[in-house]
PDB file of N, CA and C in Angstrom:
ATOM      1  N   UNK A   1     138.642  45.357 123.923  1.00  0.00           N
ATOM      2  CA  UNK A   1     138.384  45.415 125.336  1.00  0.00           C
ATOM      3  C   UNK A   1     138.184  43.986 125.825  1.00  0.00           C
ATOM      4  N   UNK A   2     138.979  43.575 126.772  1.00  0.00           N
ATOM      5  CA  UNK A   2     138.922  42.215 127.286  1.00  0.00           C
ATOM      6  C   UNK A   2     138.172  42.204 128.624  1.00  0.00           C
ATOM      7  N   UNK A   3     136.958  41.654 128.614  1.00  0.00           N
ATOM      8  CA  UNK A   3     136.115  41.572 129.815  1.00  0.00           C
ATOM      9  C   UNK A   3     136.010  42.939 130.521  1.00  0.00           C
ATOM     10  N   UNK A   4     135.591  43.981 129.799  1.00  0.00           N
ATOM     11  CA  UNK A   4     135.609  45.326 130.380  1.00  0.00           C
ATOM     12  C   UNK A   4     134.633  45.535 131.531  1.00  0.00           C
ATOM     13  N   UNK A   5     133.638  44.662 131.668  1.00  0.00           N
ATOM     14  CA  UNK A   5     132.659  44.875 132.742  1.00  0.00           C
ATOM     15  C   UNK A   5     132.752  43.829 133.853  1.00  0.00           C
ATOM     16  N   UNK A   6     133.758  42.989 133.801  1.00  0.00           N
ATOM     17  CA  UNK A   6     133.900  41.967 134.850  1.00  0.00           C
ATOM     18  C   UNK A   6     134.242  42.641 136.176  1.00  0.00           C
ATOM     19  N   UNK A   7     133.455  42.322 137.195  1.00  0.00           N
ATOM     20  CA  UNK A   7     133.749  42.776 138.546  1.00  0.00           C
ATOM     21  C   UNK A   7     133.423  44.225 138.842  1.00  0.00           C
ATOM     22  N   UNK A   8     132.671  44.888 137.964  1.00  0.00           N
ATOM     23  CA  UNK A   8     132.315  46.285 138.248  1.00  0.00           C
ATOM     24  C   UNK A   8     130.811  46.387 138.473  1.00  0.00           C
ATOM     25  N   UNK A   9     130.396  47.466 139.149  1.00  0.00           N
ATOM     26  CA  UNK A   9     128.974  47.625 139.472  1.00  0.00           C
ATOM     27  C   UNK A   9     128.178  48.068 138.247  1.00  0.00           C
ATOM     28  N   UNK A  10     126.870  48.036 138.376  1.00  0.00           N
ATOM     29  CA  UNK A  10     125.969  48.323 137.267  1.00  0.00           C
ATOM     30  C   UNK A  10     126.198  49.722 136.696  1.00  0.00           C
ATOM     31  N   UNK A  11     126.420  50.707 137.554  1.00  0.00           N
ATOM     32  CA  UNK A  11     126.652  52.071 137.078  1.00  0.00           C
ATOM     33  C   UNK A  11     127.905  52.173 136.222  1.00  0.00           C
ATOM     34  N   UNK A  12     128.960  51.490 136.634  1.00  0.00           N
ATOM     35  CA  UNK A  12     130.199  51.497 135.857  1.00  0.00           C
ATOM     36  C   UNK A  12     130.015  50.752 134.541  1.00  0.00           C
ATOM     37  N   UNK A  13     129.195  49.677 134.551  1.00  0.00           N
ATOM     38  CA  UNK A  13     128.921  48.962 133.306  1.00  0.00           C
ATOM     39  C   UNK A  13     128.261  49.881 132.288  1.00  0.00           C
ATOM     40  N   UNK A  14     127.321  50.684 132.759  1.00  0.00           N
ATOM     41  CA  UNK A  14     126.638  51.626 131.870  1.00  0.00           C
ATOM     42  C   UNK A  14     127.648  52.585 131.245  1.00  0.00           C
ATOM     43  N   UNK A  15     128.611  53.046 132.034  1.00  0.00           N
ATOM     44  CA  UNK A  15     129.641  53.942 131.506  1.00  0.00           C
ATOM     45  C   UNK A  15     130.475  53.252 130.433  1.00  0.00           C
ATOM     46  N   UNK A  16     130.812  51.989 130.632  1.00  0.00           N
ATOM     47  CA  UNK A  16     131.576  51.236 129.623  1.00  0.00           C
ATOM     48  C   UNK A  16     130.748  51.101 128.354  1.00  0.00           C
ATOM     49  N   UNK A  17     129.465  50.754 128.496  1.00  0.00           N
ATOM     50  CA  UNK A  17     128.592  50.611 127.324  1.00  0.00           C
ATOM     51  C   UNK A  17     128.471  51.931 126.566  1.00  0.00           C
ATOM     52  N   UNK A  18     128.354  53.034 127.300  1.00  0.00           N
ATOM     53  CA  UNK A  18     128.275  54.351 126.656  1.00  0.00           C
ATOM     54  C   UNK A  18     129.557  54.679 125.910  1.00  0.00           C
ATOM     55  N   UNK A  19     130.708  54.333 126.478  1.00  0.00           N
ATOM     56  CA  UNK A  19     131.991  54.556 125.814  1.00  0.00           C
ATOM     57  C   UNK A  19     132.059  53.758 124.515  1.00  0.00           C
ATOM     58  N   UNK A  20     131.674  52.500 124.568  1.00  0.00           N
ATOM     59  CA  UNK A  20     131.680  51.661 123.361  1.00  0.00           C
ATOM     60  C   UNK A  20     130.751  52.259 122.308  1.00  0.00           C
ATOM     61  N   UNK A  21     129.572  52.691 122.725  1.00  0.00           N
ATOM     62  CA  UNK A  21     128.630  53.293 121.766  1.00  0.00           C
ATOM     63  C   UNK A  21     129.172  54.583 121.165  1.00  0.00           C
ATOM     64  N   UNK A  22     129.851  55.403 121.960  1.00  0.00           N
ATOM     65  CA  UNK A  22     130.450  56.636 121.425  1.00  0.00           C
ATOM     66  C   UNK A  22     131.508  56.303 120.371  1.00  0.00           C
ATOM     67  N   UNK A  23     132.327  55.305 120.658  1.00  0.00           N
ATOM     68  CA  UNK A  23     133.373  54.919 119.714  1.00  0.00           C
ATOM     69  C   UNK A  23     132.780  54.413 118.407  1.00  0.00           C
ATOM     70  N   UNK A  24     131.759  53.564 118.507  1.00  0.00           N
ATOM     71  CA  UNK A  24     131.163  53.028 117.273  1.00  0.00           C
ATOM     72  C   UNK A  24     130.376  54.103 116.526  1.00  0.00           C
ATOM     73  N   UNK A  25     129.784  55.055 117.252  1.00  0.00           N
ATOM     74  CA  UNK A  25     129.097  56.174 116.600  1.00  0.00           C
ATOM     75  C   UNK A  25     130.075  57.026 115.792  1.00  0.00           C
ATOM     76  N   UNK A  26     131.352  57.029 116.197  1.00  0.00           N
ATOM     77  CA  UNK A  26     132.398  57.766 115.481  1.00  0.00           C
ATOM     78  C   UNK A  26     132.973  56.952 114.327  1.00  0.00           C
ATOM     79  N   UNK A  27     132.422  55.758 114.112  1.00  0.00           N
ATOM     80  CA  UNK A  27     132.894  54.916 113.024  1.00  0.00           C
ATOM     81  C   UNK A  27     134.083  54.043 113.387  1.00  0.00           C
ATOM     82  N   UNK A  28     134.409  53.972 114.651  1.00  0.00           N
ATOM     83  CA  UNK A  28     135.544  53.155 115.087  1.00  0.00           C
ATOM     84  C   UNK A  28     135.097  51.725 115.362  1.00  0.00           C
ATOM     85  N   UNK A  29     135.993  50.807 115.128  1.00  0.00           N
ATOM     86  CA  UNK A  29     135.723  49.399 115.433  1.00  0.00           C
ATOM     87  C   UNK A  29     136.133  49.110 116.864  1.00  0.00           C
ATOM     88  N   UNK A  30     135.371  48.260 117.519  1.00  0.00           N
ATOM     89  CA  UNK A  30     135.676  47.849 118.885  1.00  0.00           C
ATOM     90  C   UNK A  30     135.669  46.326 118.928  1.00  0.00           C
ATOM     91  N   UNK A  31     136.741  45.750 119.421  1.00  0.00           N
ATOM     92  CA  UNK A  31     136.793  44.312 119.651  1.00  0.00           C
ATOM     93  C   UNK A  31     136.491  44.108 121.126  1.00  0.00           C
ATOM     94  N   UNK A  32     135.405  43.416 121.388  1.00  0.00           N
ATOM     95  CA  UNK A  32     134.935  43.208 122.750  1.00  0.00           C
ATOM     96  C   UNK A  32     135.009  41.724 123.066  1.00  0.00           C
ATOM     97  N   UNK A  33     135.724  41.381 124.110  1.00  0.00           N
ATOM     98  CA  UNK A  33     135.811  40.000 124.584  1.00  0.00           C
ATOM     99  C   UNK A  33     135.005  39.930 125.871  1.00  0.00           C
ATOM    100  N   UNK A  34     134.023  39.032 125.901  1.00  0.00           N
ATOM    101  CA  UNK A  34     133.195  38.910 127.095  1.00  0.00           C
ATOM    102  C   UNK A  34     132.692  37.482 127.232  1.00  0.00           C
ATOM    103  N   UNK A  35     132.587  37.034 128.462  1.00  0.00           N
ATOM    104  CA  UNK A  35     132.020  35.720 128.738  1.00  0.00           C
ATOM    105  C   UNK A  35     130.529  35.835 129.058  1.00  0.00           C
ATOM    106  N   UNK A  36     129.996  37.053 129.013  1.00  0.00           N
ATOM    107  CA  UNK A  36     128.582  37.275 129.288  1.00  0.00           C
ATOM    108  C   UNK A  36     127.820  37.359 127.973  1.00  0.00           C
ATOM    109  N   UNK A  37     127.040  36.317 127.670  1.00  0.00           N
ATOM    110  CA  UNK A  37     126.315  36.271 126.401  1.00  0.00           C
ATOM    111  C   UNK A  37     125.356  37.444 126.221  1.00  0.00           C
ATOM    112  N   UNK A  38     124.580  37.842 127.224  1.00  0.00           N
ATOM    113  CA  UNK A  38     123.694  38.991 127.017  1.00  0.00           C
ATOM    114  C   UNK A  38     124.471  40.255 126.643  1.00  0.00           C
ATOM    115  N   UNK A  39     125.638  40.433 127.229  1.00  0.00           N
ATOM    116  CA  UNK A  39     126.472  41.587 126.905  1.00  0.00           C
ATOM    117  C   UNK A  39     126.941  41.521 125.452  1.00  0.00           C
ATOM    118  N   UNK A  40     127.418  40.353 125.038  1.00  0.00           N
ATOM    119  CA  UNK A  40     127.847  40.191 123.654  1.00  0.00           C
ATOM    120  C   UNK A  40     126.709  40.457 122.680  1.00  0.00           C
ATOM    121  N   UNK A  41     125.560  39.871 122.967  1.00  0.00           N
ATOM    122  CA  UNK A  41     124.425  40.002 122.063  1.00  0.00           C
ATOM    123  C   UNK A  41     123.901  41.433 122.011  1.00  0.00           C
ATOM    124  N   UNK A  42     123.982  42.154 123.119  1.00  0.00           N
ATOM    125  CA  UNK A  42     123.489  43.520 123.156  1.00  0.00           C
ATOM    126  C   UNK A  42     124.436  44.554 122.591  1.00  0.00           C
ATOM    127  N   UNK A  43     125.739  44.267 122.625  1.00  0.00           N
ATOM    128  CA  UNK A  43     126.722  45.263 122.225  1.00  0.00           C
ATOM    129  C   UNK A  43     127.369  45.006 120.870  1.00  0.00           C
ATOM    130  N   UNK A  44     127.067  43.875 120.250  1.00  0.00           N
ATOM    131  CA  UNK A  44     127.819  43.474 119.056  1.00  0.00           C
ATOM    132  C   UNK A  44     126.981  43.497 117.793  1.00  0.00           C
ATOM    133  N   UNK A  45     127.612  43.913 116.709  1.00  0.00           N
ATOM    134  CA  UNK A  45     127.010  43.779 115.383  1.00  0.00           C
ATOM    135  C   UNK A  45     127.359  42.424 114.786  1.00  0.00           C
ATOM    136  N   UNK A  46     128.526  41.918 115.164  1.00  0.00           N
ATOM    137  CA  UNK A  46     128.993  40.618 114.687  1.00  0.00           C
ATOM    138  C   UNK A  46     129.708  39.927 115.836  1.00  0.00           C
ATOM    139  N   UNK A  47     129.461  38.638 115.969  1.00  0.00           N
ATOM    140  CA  UNK A  47     130.054  37.868 117.069  1.00  0.00           C
ATOM    141  C   UNK A  47     130.810  36.683 116.483  1.00  0.00           C
ATOM    142  N   UNK A  48     132.068  36.552 116.883  1.00  0.00           N
ATOM    143  CA  UNK A  48     132.863  35.374 116.551  1.00  0.00           C
ATOM    144  C   UNK A  48     133.051  34.585 117.839  1.00  0.00           C
ATOM    145  N   UNK A  49     132.628  33.339 117.834  1.00  0.00           N
ATOM    146  CA  UNK A  49     132.803  32.472 119.001  1.00  0.00           C
ATOM    147  C   UNK A  49     134.029  31.615 118.761  1.00  0.00           C
ATOM    148  N   UNK A  50     134.865  31.513 119.776  1.00  0.00           N
ATOM    149  CA  UNK A  50     136.087  30.732 119.662  1.00  0.00           C
ATOM    150  C   UNK A  50     135.963  29.416 120.408  1.00  0.00           C
ATOM    151  N   UNK A  51     136.608  28.413 119.845  1.00  0.00           N
ATOM    152  CA  UNK A  51     136.715  27.104 120.497  1.00  0.00           C
ATOM    153  C   UNK A  51     138.112  26.579 120.217  1.00  0.00           C
ATOM    154  N   UNK A  52     138.857  26.290 121.262  1.00  0.00           N
ATOM    155  CA  UNK A  52     140.218  25.748 121.146  1.00  0.00           C
ATOM    156  C   UNK A  52     141.094  26.622 120.250  1.00  0.00           C
ATOM    157  N   UNK A  53     140.944  27.947 120.389  1.00  0.00           N
ATOM    158  CA  UNK A  53     141.788  28.880 119.645  1.00  0.00           C
ATOM    159  C   UNK A  53     141.392  29.088 118.199  1.00  0.00           C
ATOM    160  N   UNK A  54     140.278  28.525 117.780  1.00  0.00           N
ATOM    161  CA  UNK A  54     139.803  28.690 116.399  1.00  0.00           C
ATOM    162  C   UNK A  54     138.377  29.219 116.400  1.00  0.00           C
ATOM    163  N   UNK A  55     137.989  29.800 115.288  1.00  0.00           N
ATOM    164  CA  UNK A  55     136.624  30.313 115.173  1.00  0.00           C
ATOM    165  C   UNK A  55     135.654  29.140 115.085  1.00  0.00           C
ATOM    166  N   UNK A  56     134.758  29.070 116.051  1.00  0.00           N
ATOM    167  CA  UNK A  56     133.757  28.012 116.073  1.00  0.00           C
ATOM    168  C   UNK A  56     132.463  28.430 115.407  1.00  0.00           C
ATOM    169  N   UNK A  57     132.286  29.722 115.228  1.00  0.00           N
ATOM    170  CA  UNK A  57     131.084  30.229 114.571  1.00  0.00           C
ATOM    171  C   UNK A  57     131.120  31.728 114.456  1.00  0.00           C
ATOM    172  N   UNK A  58     130.422  32.234 113.450  1.00  0.00           N
ATOM    173  CA  UNK A  58     130.314  33.673 113.217  1.00  0.00           C
ATOM    174  C   UNK A  58     128.839  34.001 113.044  1.00  0.00           C
ATOM    175  N   UNK A  59     128.377  35.029 113.763  1.00  0.00           N
ATOM    176  CA  UNK A  59     126.960  35.351 113.779  1.00  0.00           C
ATOM    177  C   UNK A  59     126.743  36.848 113.685  1.00  0.00           C
ATOM    178  N   UNK A  60     125.762  37.259 112.909  1.00  0.00           N
ATOM    179  CA  UNK A  60     125.310  38.638 112.901  1.00  0.00           C
ATOM    180  C   UNK A  60     124.368  38.839 114.074  1.00  0.00           C
ATOM    181  N   UNK A  61     124.092  40.082 114.379  1.00  0.00           N
ATOM    182  CA  UNK A  61     123.224  40.397 115.527  1.00  0.00           C
ATOM    183  C   UNK A  61     121.877  39.687 115.429  1.00  0.00           C
ATOM    184  N   UNK A  62     121.276  39.692 114.252  1.00  0.00           N
ATOM    185  CA  UNK A  62     119.936  39.129 114.092  1.00  0.00           C
ATOM    186  C   UNK A  62     119.892  37.615 114.265  1.00  0.00           C
ATOM    187  N   UNK A  63     120.971  36.939 113.938  1.00  0.00           N
ATOM    188  CA  UNK A  63     120.951  35.472 114.004  1.00  0.00           C
ATOM    189  C   UNK A  63     121.538  34.904 115.296  1.00  0.00           C
ATOM    190  N   UNK A  64     122.140  35.727 116.109  1.00  0.00           N
ATOM    191  CA  UNK A  64     122.785  35.246 117.340  1.00  0.00           C
ATOM    192  C   UNK A  64     121.748  34.941 118.408  1.00  0.00           C
ATOM    193  N   UNK A  65     121.769  33.716 118.889  1.00  0.00           N
ATOM    194  CA  UNK A  65     120.949  33.315 120.034  1.00  0.00           C
ATOM    195  C   UNK A  65     121.887  32.695 121.059  1.00  0.00           C
ATOM    196  N   UNK A  66     121.501  32.678 122.325  1.00  0.00           N
ATOM    197  CA  UNK A  66     122.369  32.043 123.321  1.00  0.00           C
ATOM    198  C   UNK A  66     122.681  30.593 122.959  1.00  0.00           C
ATOM    199  N   UNK A  67     121.701  29.883 122.428  1.00  0.00           N
ATOM    200  CA  UNK A  67     121.902  28.481 122.075  1.00  0.00           C
ATOM    201  C   UNK A  67     122.917  28.317 120.950  1.00  0.00           C
ATOM    202  N   UNK A  68     122.817  29.144 119.929  1.00  0.00           N
ATOM    203  CA  UNK A  68     123.766  29.065 118.814  1.00  0.00           C
ATOM    204  C   UNK A  68     125.173  29.457 119.248  1.00  0.00           C
ATOM    205  N   UNK A  69     125.262  30.478 120.082  1.00  0.00           N
ATOM    206  CA  UNK A  69     126.576  30.917 120.541  1.00  0.00           C
ATOM    207  C   UNK A  69     127.247  29.842 121.391  1.00  0.00           C
ATOM    208  N   UNK A  70     126.491  29.237 122.283  1.00  0.00           N
ATOM    209  CA  UNK A  70     127.062  28.183 123.127  1.00  0.00           C
ATOM    210  C   UNK A  70     127.447  26.962 122.302  1.00  0.00           C
ATOM    211  N   UNK A  71     126.629  26.599 121.313  1.00  0.00           N
ATOM    212  CA  UNK A  71     126.963  25.461 120.452  1.00  0.00           C
ATOM    213  C   UNK A  71     128.279  25.715 119.730  1.00  0.00           C
ATOM    214  N   UNK A  72     128.489  26.952 119.261  1.00  0.00           N
ATOM    215  CA  UNK A  72     129.739  27.287 118.570  1.00  0.00           C
ATOM    216  C   UNK A  72     130.913  27.283 119.543  1.00  0.00           C
ATOM    217  N   UNK A  73     130.704  27.790 120.750  1.00  0.00           N
ATOM    218  CA  UNK A  73     131.782  27.843 121.736  1.00  0.00           C
ATOM    219  C   UNK A  73     132.176  26.449 122.207  1.00  0.00           C
ATOM    220  N   UNK A  74     131.215  25.542 122.231  1.00  0.00           N
ATOM    221  CA  UNK A  74     131.481  24.177 122.684  1.00  0.00           C
ATOM    222  C   UNK A  74     131.797  23.234 121.531  1.00  0.00           C
ATOM    223  N   UNK A  75     131.806  23.761 120.314  1.00  0.00           N
ATOM    224  CA  UNK A  75     132.117  22.992 119.110  1.00  0.00           C
ATOM    225  C   UNK A  75     131.181  21.795 118.956  1.00  0.00           C
ATOM    226  N   UNK A  76     129.899  22.057 119.134  1.00  0.00           N
ATOM    227  CA  UNK A  76     128.903  21.011 118.918  1.00  0.00           C
ATOM    228  C   UNK A  76     128.701  20.899 117.417  1.00  0.00           C
ATOM    229  N   UNK A  77     128.994  19.732 116.877  1.00  0.00           N
ATOM    230  CA  UNK A  77     128.991  19.512 115.429  1.00  0.00           C
ATOM    231  C   UNK A  77     127.631  19.651 114.775  1.00  0.00           C
ATOM    232  N   UNK A  78     127.644  19.843 113.480  1.00  0.00           N
ATOM    233  CA  UNK A  78     126.412  20.035 112.718  1.00  0.00           C
ATOM    234  C   UNK A  78     125.471  18.844 112.820  1.00  0.00           C
ATOM    235  N   UNK A  79     126.001  17.653 112.979  1.00  0.00           N
ATOM    236  CA  UNK A  79     125.174  16.475 113.029  1.00  0.00           C
ATOM    237  C   UNK A  79     124.660  16.127 114.406  1.00  0.00           C
ATOM    238  N   UNK A  80     125.015  16.888 115.417  1.00  0.00           N
ATOM    239  CA  UNK A  80     124.615  16.538 116.773  1.00  0.00           C
ATOM    240  C   UNK A  80     123.143  16.835 117.010  1.00  0.00           C
ATOM    241  N   UNK A  81     122.567  16.151 117.958  1.00  0.00           N
ATOM    242  CA  UNK A  81     121.158  16.345 118.304  1.00  0.00           C
ATOM    243  C   UNK A  81     120.944  17.770 118.816  1.00  0.00           C
ATOM    244  N   UNK A  82     121.825  18.255 119.676  1.00  0.00           N
ATOM    245  CA  UNK A  82     121.669  19.599 120.238  1.00  0.00           C
ATOM    246  C   UNK A  82     121.694  20.641 119.139  1.00  0.00           C
ATOM    247  N   UNK A  83     122.646  20.544 118.224  1.00  0.00           N
ATOM    248  CA  UNK A  83     122.743  21.538 117.156  1.00  0.00           C
ATOM    249  C   UNK A  83     121.525  21.499 116.250  1.00  0.00           C
ATOM    250  N   UNK A  84     120.974  20.339 115.970  1.00  0.00           N
ATOM    251  CA  UNK A  84     119.789  20.267 115.107  1.00  0.00           C
ATOM    252  C   UNK A  84     118.575  20.894 115.797  1.00  0.00           C
ATOM    253  N   UNK A  85     118.551  20.878 117.119  1.00  0.00           N
ATOM    254  CA  UNK A  85     117.429  21.481 117.847  1.00  0.00           C
ATOM    255  C   UNK A  85     117.488  23.000 117.845  1.00  0.00           C
ATOM    256  N   UNK A  86     118.677  23.589 117.717  1.00  0.00           N
ATOM    257  CA  UNK A  86     118.779  25.051 117.818  1.00  0.00           C
ATOM    258  C   UNK A  86     118.699  25.748 116.475  1.00  0.00           C
ATOM    259  N   UNK A  87     118.593  25.035 115.416  1.00  0.00           N
ATOM    260  CA  UNK A  87     118.506  25.654 114.086  1.00  0.00           C
ATOM    261  C   UNK A  87     117.147  26.174 113.803  1.00  0.00           C
TER     262      UNK A  87
END
């Protein structure tokens, strides 16, 4: 699903979230593309962040924070000051 909740009202978002939950409850995999970090963090078991067409980071639900996700999306290197602060 590519940006399934972009431009829709809150009630419709709830319906999309319920659909995703029904699919995963049935054991189906869902690939969700979203630019909304809270949505990604709330709906995902695993998050892959892309930067320049490559995987910039992979995170499980428990380890994903907005700071870590943004660092991976922006390709902030391991030695950078920002990345050392978010660890």
